[in-house]
Amino acid sequence: MCKLVTGPWTRMLLKLSLPVRISLCIFCFVFCTTIYIVTFPVTLHSYIFLAIPMLLSAWLFEKYGACGCFGAHIVVQVTYNTILFHSLWWPPVYFFTCLSSIIVLFLEGCLMVSLRNLVDTEEQARLEAQKAGQQMRIAYEQQRQLNQLKNQFVLNVNHELRTPLSGAYSYLELLQVLLNENGCLDRALHGEYLQGALDYCRELDVLVNNVLETMSIGNDNGQLDMEALSPRLLLNEVLRHFDSFRRREHRLLIEIPASMKVLANAPCVRHILYNLLSNAFKYTPPDSLVTISARPSATGAEVCVIVRDEGPGIPPDELPLLFDPFMRLRRDLAGTVRGSGLGLSICKHLVEAMGGHIWVESDGVLGRGSAFCFTLPSLTRQIETLPLVPVQASIAG
């Protein structure tokens, strides 16, 4: 009985629309009541037909359907028997038959409502179990991705650390040998070796700072000292940190007005420009053009700084994930260009901490390159709106 009632066809009835279910109950009630009226004088067991609409109503509408159907059945039986016997005083056999049918219908409605509640409870438990299982699968997948990112991070950092360490160690070891053989070092002959060791140490310093800054993101209080800055002067300072060879192998075009001022944090802006230019130098072929420009926004409230290159571009499907921690393009994972996948993530955090936003524009076409853009508050706009407030801002990280 339970399997029959809780079978697939009964569950399909619950998915019908409300008008269809109401119409189905009314039709069943009228049809079964008609059979009861026609057969009742002949047989005393015709009230069995009244059980069908009770079952259907209690199943489709639970206690509300059971109560409605039960009341309607009482009204029909009392009215019909009164009309049939022309009096409220019925023969005892018909009175007890009517009373027993009412008791049976009441018990039947209670049992069907209880069964419906059990079915609903089982369905709810099944859905919650499915939801818990889905959440567990999502948590497992997130943990797997986290472990994969961790492993990839360890491999990247290991590769990043090994290369500059090995290079710096080789240069210093060579200088040590020359010093032991000659007793001194010659600026013209050996200065290049010392410069090479310093360049490798500088790369190592940048990597370590990136890792430390990534670990500190979210642990600071979000306070940054903001001051009036010239993007053109900051760019000149950043370019001096690149060795002359890396600057000579690319053509630089600077389109930043010297009079332009922004309200920002100097170390943060220098770090952002260094990361973006470093990526432009690493991922673009020699003798390609790298353009650094800045322009005010339409409202004048912000200044947009753009670093545009002529490299291979970025596939559109990888653009949304580019600023995630440890994110590297698929082509770079198998390539020769080193990277930890932390630079752009740090840039995003720093830009947002200064009240701006950062994005990238690229169609992924080889040779058309990419444009990394970020905004900073315009000093002119700040002076117009807040002329008496000290130049300091509190930005939520």
Protein backbone atom coordinates (compact mmCIF):
# COMPACT_ATOMS: atom_id res chain seq x y z
CA MET A 1 0.00 0.00 0.00
CA CYS A 2 2.75 2.41 0.98
CA LYS A 3 4.74 1.61 -2.16
CA LEU A 4 1.64 2.08 -4.28
CA VAL A 5 0.80 5.44 -2.71
CA THR A 6 4.39 6.74 -2.71
CA GLY A 7 5.11 5.52 -6.21
CA PRO A 8 6.23 7.83 -9.04
CA TRP A 9 2.72 8.43 -10.35
CA THR A 10 1.51 9.77 -7.01
CA ARG A 11 4.45 12.17 -6.82
CA MET A 12 3.65 13.37 -10.31
CA LEU A 13 0.19 14.39 -9.10
CA LEU A 14 1.82 16.77 -6.61
CA LYS A 15 3.58 18.59 -9.46
CA LEU A 16 0.31 19.51 -11.18
CA SER A 17 -0.79 23.13 -11.08
CA LEU A 18 -3.24 24.28 -8.41
CA PRO A 19 -6.25 24.71 -10.77
CA VAL A 20 -5.68 21.24 -12.21
CA ARG A 21 -5.53 19.64 -8.76
CA ILE A 22 -8.67 21.44 -7.59
CA SER A 23 -10.52 20.43 -10.75
CA LEU A 24 -9.38 16.84 -10.35
CA CYS A 25 -10.65 16.70 -6.73
CA ILE A 26 -14.03 18.27 -7.61
CA PHE A 27 -14.55 15.89 -10.53
CA CYS A 28 -13.64 12.85 -8.42
CA PHE A 29 -15.94 13.99 -5.60
CA VAL A 30 -18.91 14.59 -7.91
CA PHE A 31 -18.38 11.32 -9.79
CA CYS A 32 -18.02 9.15 -6.65
CA THR A 33 -20.89 10.92 -4.88
CA THR A 34 -23.12 10.25 -7.87
CA ILE A 35 -22.28 6.55 -7.73
CA TYR A 36 -22.96 6.57 -3.98
CA ILE A 37 -26.38 8.18 -4.44
CA VAL A 38 -27.35 5.79 -7.20
CA THR A 39 -26.25 2.62 -5.41
CA PHE A 40 -26.92 3.48 -1.76
CA PRO A 41 -30.48 2.28 -1.54
CA VAL A 42 -29.43 -1.01 -3.11
CA THR A 43 -26.35 -1.73 -1.04
CA LEU A 44 -25.18 -0.41 2.31
CA HIS A 45 -21.51 -0.60 1.31
CA SER A 46 -21.66 2.03 -1.41
CA TYR A 47 -20.00 4.54 0.94
CA ILE A 48 -16.75 2.84 -0.10
CA PHE A 49 -16.86 5.03 -3.21
CA LEU A 50 -16.63 8.08 -0.95
CA ALA A 51 -13.15 6.95 0.13
CA ILE A 52 -11.68 7.71 -3.29
CA PRO A 53 -12.12 11.53 -3.23
CA MET A 54 -11.02 11.53 0.42
CA LEU A 55 -7.78 9.77 -0.52
CA LEU A 56 -7.19 12.11 -3.43
CA SER A 57 -7.98 15.32 -1.54
CA ALA A 58 -5.90 14.38 1.51
CA TRP A 59 -2.97 13.45 -0.72
CA LEU A 60 -3.06 16.58 -2.87
CA PHE A 61 -3.92 19.17 -0.18
CA GLU A 62 -3.06 17.42 3.08
CA LYS A 63 -5.21 18.42 6.08
CA TYR A 64 -7.03 21.19 4.23
CA GLY A 65 -8.14 18.84 1.48
CA ALA A 66 -9.08 16.13 4.00
CA CYS A 67 -11.17 18.50 6.12
CA GLY A 68 -12.91 19.97 3.09
CA CYS A 69 -13.73 16.58 1.62
CA PHE A 70 -14.83 15.21 5.00
CA GLY A 71 -17.22 18.11 5.59
CA ALA A 72 -18.63 17.84 2.07
CA HIS A 73 -19.26 14.11 2.53
CA ILE A 74 -21.16 14.72 5.80
CA VAL A 75 -23.31 17.36 4.14
CA VAL A 76 -24.06 15.09 1.19
CA GLN A 77 -24.91 12.03 3.31
CA VAL A 78 -27.13 13.95 5.78
CA THR A 79 -28.92 15.79 2.99
CA TYR A 80 -29.43 12.69 0.86
CA ASN A 81 -30.65 10.51 3.75
CA THR A 82 -33.00 13.24 4.95
CA ILE A 83 -34.49 13.57 1.48
CA LEU A 84 -34.63 9.80 1.06
CA PHE A 85 -36.45 9.14 4.34
CA HIS A 86 -38.31 12.47 4.48
CA SER A 87 -37.14 12.91 8.05
CA LEU A 88 -34.09 13.36 10.25
CA TRP A 89 -35.08 10.14 12.01
CA TRP A 90 -33.50 7.46 9.87
CA PRO A 91 -33.87 3.73 10.28
CA PRO A 92 -31.22 2.42 12.71
CA VAL A 93 -29.40 0.37 10.09
CA TYR A 94 -28.97 3.41 7.81
CA PHE A 95 -28.00 5.63 10.73
CA PHE A 96 -25.22 3.27 11.85
CA THR A 97 -24.13 2.79 8.25
CA CYS A 98 -23.80 6.56 7.84
CA LEU A 99 -22.02 6.88 11.18
CA SER A 100 -19.57 4.10 10.35
CA SER A 101 -18.84 5.64 6.94
CA ILE A 102 -18.09 8.97 8.63
CA ILE A 103 -15.72 7.28 11.08
CA VAL A 104 -14.00 5.36 8.29
CA LEU A 105 -13.60 8.52 6.20
CA PHE A 106 -12.18 10.38 9.21
CA LEU A 107 -9.63 7.65 9.92
CA GLU A 108 -8.80 7.37 6.25
CA GLY A 109 -8.17 11.11 6.01
CA CYS A 110 -5.94 11.04 9.11
CA LEU A 111 -3.91 8.14 7.75
CA MET A 112 -3.49 9.75 4.32
CA VAL A 113 -2.44 13.09 5.82
CA SER A 114 0.10 11.27 8.02
CA LEU A 115 1.39 9.38 5.00
CA ARG A 116 1.69 12.60 3.02
CA ASN A 117 3.67 14.18 5.89
CA LEU A 118 5.98 11.17 5.97
CA VAL A 119 6.51 11.42 2.24
CA ASP A 120 7.23 15.16 2.50
CA THR A 121 9.67 14.52 5.36
CA GLU A 122 11.43 11.83 3.36
CA GLU A 123 11.58 14.10 0.31
CA GLN A 124 12.98 16.96 2.40
CA ALA A 125 15.57 14.65 3.93
CA ARG A 126 16.53 13.42 0.48
CA LEU A 127 16.91 16.98 -0.83
CA GLU A 128 18.97 17.98 2.20
CA ALA A 129 21.15 14.91 1.72
CA GLN A 130 21.65 15.84 -1.93
CA LYS A 131 22.44 19.42 -0.94
CA ALA A 132 24.90 18.23 1.70
CA GLY A 133 26.49 15.90 -0.82
CA GLN A 134 26.74 18.70 -3.36
CA GLN A 135 28.28 21.02 -0.77
CA MET A 136 30.73 18.28 0.16
CA ARG A 137 31.69 17.84 -3.47
CA ILE A 138 32.12 21.60 -3.84
CA ALA A 139 34.25 21.74 -0.68
CA TYR A 140 36.31 18.81 -1.93
CA GLU A 141 36.80 20.48 -5.29
CA GLN A 142 37.78 23.75 -3.63
CA GLN A 143 40.23 21.90 -1.41
CA ARG A 144 41.65 20.12 -4.45
CA GLN A 145 42.03 23.40 -6.31
CA LEU A 146 43.62 24.98 -3.23
CA ASN A 147 46.11 22.12 -2.98
CA GLN A 148 46.80 22.42 -6.69
CA LEU A 149 47.37 26.16 -6.34
CA LYS A 150 49.62 25.56 -3.35
CA ASN A 151 51.67 22.98 -5.23
CA GLN A 152 51.88 25.23 -8.27
CA PHE A 153 52.90 28.13 -6.04
CA VAL A 154 55.65 26.07 -4.41
CA LEU A 155 56.93 24.98 -7.83
CA ASN A 156 56.82 28.52 -9.20
CA VAL A 157 58.53 30.06 -6.19
CA ASN A 158 61.10 27.27 -6.15
CA HIS A 159 61.88 27.96 -9.80
CA GLU A 160 61.89 31.69 -9.24
CA LEU A 161 64.22 31.46 -6.26
CA ARG A 162 66.55 28.92 -7.83
CA THR A 163 67.27 30.91 -10.98
CA PRO A 164 68.37 34.25 -9.45
CA LEU A 165 70.12 32.48 -6.59
CA SER A 166 72.07 30.31 -9.00
CA GLY A 167 72.90 33.28 -11.21
CA ALA A 168 74.01 35.50 -8.34
CA TYR A 169 76.02 32.65 -6.80
CA SER A 170 77.76 31.94 -10.12
CA TYR A 171 78.76 35.58 -10.60
CA LEU A 172 79.98 35.93 -7.01
CA GLU A 173 81.88 32.65 -7.23
CA LEU A 174 83.54 33.86 -10.44
CA LEU A 175 84.46 37.15 -8.77
CA GLN A 176 85.88 35.24 -5.81
CA VAL A 177 88.07 33.15 -8.13
CA LEU A 178 89.30 36.25 -9.98
CA LEU A 179 90.00 37.99 -6.70
CA ASN A 180 92.02 35.02 -5.43
CA GLU A 181 94.00 34.81 -8.67
CA ASN A 182 94.66 38.50 -9.26
CA GLY A 183 94.41 39.92 -5.75
CA CYS A 184 92.08 42.65 -6.96
CA LEU A 185 89.21 43.29 -9.33
CA ASP A 186 89.28 45.55 -12.36
CA ARG A 187 86.30 47.87 -12.90
CA ALA A 188 86.40 47.60 -16.70
CA LEU A 189 86.93 43.82 -16.83
CA HIS A 190 84.91 42.63 -13.87
CA GLY A 191 82.29 45.34 -13.35
CA GLU A 192 79.89 43.55 -15.69
CA TYR A 193 80.00 40.43 -13.49
CA LEU A 194 79.23 42.45 -10.39
CA GLN A 195 76.35 44.18 -12.18
CA GLY A 196 74.97 40.79 -13.23
CA ALA A 197 75.03 39.58 -9.63
CA LEU A 198 73.23 42.74 -8.51
CA ASP A 199 70.56 42.27 -11.18
CA TYR A 200 69.88 38.72 -9.99
CA CYS A 201 69.72 39.92 -6.39
CA ARG A 202 67.23 42.58 -7.44
CA GLU A 203 65.02 39.94 -9.07
CA LEU A 204 65.24 37.86 -5.91
CA ASP A 205 64.28 40.88 -3.81
CA VAL A 206 61.22 41.56 -5.97
CA LEU A 207 60.06 37.94 -5.67
CA VAL A 208 60.46 37.86 -1.89
CA ASN A 209 58.62 41.17 -1.56
CA ASN A 210 55.77 39.84 -3.71
CA VAL A 211 55.41 36.76 -1.52
CA LEU A 212 55.52 38.80 1.70
CA GLU A 213 53.02 41.34 0.41
CA THR A 214 50.67 38.55 -0.66
CA MET A 215 50.82 37.04 2.82
CA SER A 216 50.09 40.42 4.40
CA ILE A 217 47.04 41.17 2.22
CA GLY A 218 43.95 41.12 4.42
CA ASN A 219 46.03 41.39 7.62
CA ASP A 220 46.55 45.16 7.51
CA ASN A 221 44.16 47.80 8.76
CA GLY A 222 43.51 49.22 5.30
CA GLN A 223 45.10 52.61 6.13
CA LEU A 224 47.18 54.28 3.44
CA ASP A 225 48.86 57.68 3.56
CA MET A 226 47.72 59.53 0.44
CA GLU A 227 49.56 62.51 -1.01
CA ALA A 228 49.75 64.60 -4.16
CA LEU A 229 51.89 62.74 -6.69
CA SER A 230 53.02 63.17 -10.27
CA PRO A 231 52.59 59.92 -12.28
CA ARG A 232 55.29 61.10 -14.69
CA LEU A 233 57.90 61.46 -11.92
CA LEU A 234 56.95 58.12 -10.38
CA LEU A 235 57.30 56.44 -13.79
CA ASN A 236 60.79 57.91 -14.23
CA GLU A 237 61.78 56.54 -10.81
CA VAL A 238 60.46 53.10 -11.74
CA LEU A 239 62.25 53.05 -15.10
CA ARG A 240 65.57 53.72 -13.35
CA HIS A 241 65.14 50.43 -11.48
CA PHE A 242 65.20 48.47 -14.75
CA ASP A 243 68.60 47.68 -16.16
CA SER A 244 69.59 49.55 -19.32
CA PHE A 245 69.48 46.40 -21.46
CA ARG A 246 65.82 45.72 -20.70
CA ARG A 247 64.96 49.33 -21.52
CA ARG A 248 66.97 49.40 -24.76
CA GLU A 249 65.42 46.24 -26.20
CA HIS A 250 61.96 47.86 -26.14
CA ARG A 251 60.72 51.13 -27.55
CA LEU A 252 59.08 53.25 -24.87
CA LEU A 253 56.44 55.87 -25.53
CA ILE A 254 55.41 57.98 -22.53
CA GLU A 255 52.24 60.05 -22.84
CA ILE A 256 51.77 61.40 -19.32
CA PRO A 257 51.51 65.18 -18.85
CA ALA A 258 54.07 66.47 -16.40
CA SER A 259 51.42 68.68 -14.76
CA MET A 260 49.04 65.82 -14.02
CA LYS A 261 48.58 65.08 -10.30
CA VAL A 262 46.89 62.21 -8.49
CA LEU A 263 46.04 61.49 -4.88
CA ALA A 264 47.79 58.21 -4.10
CA ASN A 265 50.43 56.36 -2.11
CA ALA A 266 53.87 56.62 -3.71
CA PRO A 267 55.25 53.14 -2.82
CA CYS A 268 52.02 51.51 -4.00
CA VAL A 269 52.01 53.32 -7.35
CA ARG A 270 55.69 52.53 -7.93
CA HIS A 271 55.06 48.87 -7.16
CA ILE A 272 52.09 48.75 -9.56
CA LEU A 273 54.01 50.43 -12.38
CA TYR A 274 57.02 48.18 -11.82
CA ASN A 275 54.91 45.01 -12.02
CA LEU A 276 53.02 46.12 -15.14
CA LEU A 277 56.19 47.26 -16.94
CA SER A 278 58.05 44.12 -15.89
CA ASN A 279 55.28 42.00 -17.44
CA ALA A 280 55.34 44.13 -20.59
CA PHE A 281 59.10 43.67 -20.94
CA LYS A 282 58.94 39.93 -20.22
CA TYR A 283 56.06 38.93 -22.45
CA THR A 284 56.64 41.12 -25.51
CA PRO A 285 59.24 40.51 -28.25
CA PRO A 286 62.33 42.74 -28.56
CA ASP A 287 61.97 46.09 -30.35
CA SER A 288 58.23 46.15 -29.68
CA LEU A 289 56.50 49.30 -28.49
CA VAL A 290 55.44 49.74 -24.86
CA THR A 291 53.20 52.76 -24.28
CA ILE A 292 52.57 54.29 -20.86
CA SER A 293 49.84 56.91 -20.94
CA ALA A 294 47.50 58.67 -18.52
CA ARG A 295 44.30 60.60 -19.10
CA PRO A 296 41.56 62.04 -16.89
CA SER A 297 38.19 60.32 -16.76
CA ALA A 298 35.05 61.84 -18.27
CA THR A 299 33.97 63.23 -14.89
CA GLY A 300 37.45 64.38 -13.92
CA ALA A 301 37.26 62.50 -10.63
CA GLU A 302 39.86 59.91 -11.63
CA VAL A 303 43.00 59.52 -13.69
CA CYS A 304 43.36 56.39 -15.81
CA VAL A 305 46.90 55.05 -16.27
CA ILE A 306 47.39 52.63 -19.18
CA VAL A 307 50.33 50.33 -19.91
CA ARG A 308 49.92 49.01 -23.45
CA ASP A 309 52.16 46.46 -25.17
CA GLU A 310 52.40 44.64 -28.51
CA GLY A 311 52.73 41.15 -27.11
CA PRO A 312 50.79 37.95 -27.76
CA GLY A 313 47.68 39.18 -25.97
CA ILE A 314 45.52 37.33 -23.45
CA PRO A 315 42.81 34.79 -24.39
CA PRO A 316 39.34 36.21 -23.59
CA ASP A 317 38.36 33.15 -21.53
CA GLU A 318 41.28 33.75 -19.15
CA LEU A 319 40.71 37.49 -18.62
CA PRO A 320 38.28 37.14 -15.64
CA LEU A 321 40.83 35.08 -13.66
CA LEU A 322 43.91 37.12 -14.48
CA PHE A 323 44.00 39.03 -11.16
CA ASP A 324 43.47 35.96 -8.96
CA PRO A 325 46.39 34.87 -6.74
CA PHE A 326 48.77 32.34 -8.33
CA MET A 327 47.02 32.73 -11.68
CA ARG A 328 49.18 32.17 -14.76
CA LEU A 329 48.13 31.73 -18.37
CA ARG A 330 48.08 28.19 -19.70
CA ARG A 331 50.65 29.02 -22.35
CA ASP A 332 53.03 30.42 -19.72
CA LEU A 333 52.91 27.30 -17.55
CA ALA A 334 54.66 25.37 -20.31
CA GLY A 335 56.76 28.33 -21.46
CA THR A 336 60.16 29.68 -20.49
CA VAL A 337 58.97 32.94 -18.87
CA ARG A 338 59.17 32.68 -15.09
CA GLY A 339 56.50 33.98 -12.76
CA SER A 340 54.77 33.24 -9.47
CA GLY A 341 51.30 34.50 -10.45
CA LEU A 342 51.28 37.04 -7.59
CA GLY A 343 52.16 40.33 -9.27
CA LEU A 344 48.77 41.22 -10.74
CA SER A 345 46.94 40.07 -7.62
CA ILE A 346 49.06 42.44 -5.52
CA CYS A 347 48.44 45.26 -8.03
CA LYS A 348 44.69 44.75 -7.75
CA HIS A 349 44.84 44.93 -3.96
CA LEU A 350 46.97 48.07 -3.97
CA VAL A 351 44.83 49.86 -6.57
CA GLU A 352 41.60 49.11 -4.69
CA ALA A 353 43.23 50.21 -1.42
CA MET A 354 43.81 53.61 -3.02
CA GLY A 355 40.19 53.88 -4.14
CA GLY A 356 40.65 52.85 -7.78
CA HIS A 357 40.10 49.77 -9.88
CA ILE A 358 42.21 47.81 -12.36
CA TRP A 359 41.33 45.82 -15.47
CA VAL A 360 42.86 44.51 -18.69
CA GLU A 361 41.78 44.91 -22.30
CA SER A 362 42.84 42.31 -24.85
CA ASP A 363 41.29 40.33 -27.69
CA GLY A 364 43.93 37.58 -27.58
CA VAL A 365 45.18 38.28 -31.12
CA LEU A 366 48.93 37.82 -31.58
CA GLY A 367 50.71 41.14 -32.05
CA ARG A 368 47.81 43.30 -30.90
CA GLY A 369 48.93 43.01 -27.31
CA SER A 370 47.18 43.97 -24.11
CA ALA A 371 46.34 47.15 -22.23
CA PHE A 372 46.49 47.11 -18.43
CA CYS A 373 44.52 50.03 -17.03
CA PHE A 374 44.09 51.29 -13.49
CA THR A 375 42.52 54.40 -12.02
CA LEU A 376 43.58 56.72 -9.21
CA PRO A 377 41.73 59.64 -7.60
CA SER A 378 42.43 62.93 -9.34
CA LEU A 379 44.01 65.58 -7.14
CA THR A 380 42.18 68.37 -8.97
CA ARG A 381 38.81 66.81 -8.19
CA GLN A 382 39.75 66.30 -4.55
CA ILE A 383 40.79 69.94 -4.14
CA GLU A 384 37.50 71.16 -5.65
CA THR A 385 35.31 69.02 -3.41
CA LEU A 386 37.33 69.01 -0.17
CA PRO A 387 39.42 72.22 -0.07
CA LEU A 388 39.97 72.24 3.71
CA VAL A 389 40.53 68.53 4.40
CA PRO A 390 44.15 67.33 4.92
CA VAL A 391 45.48 65.13 2.12
CA GLN A 392 45.04 61.74 3.77
CA ALA A 393 42.57 58.97 2.96
CA SER A 394 41.36 55.86 4.72
CA ILE A 395 40.58 53.13 2.20
CA ALA A 396 39.12 49.75 3.15
CA GLY A 397 41.27 46.91 1.91
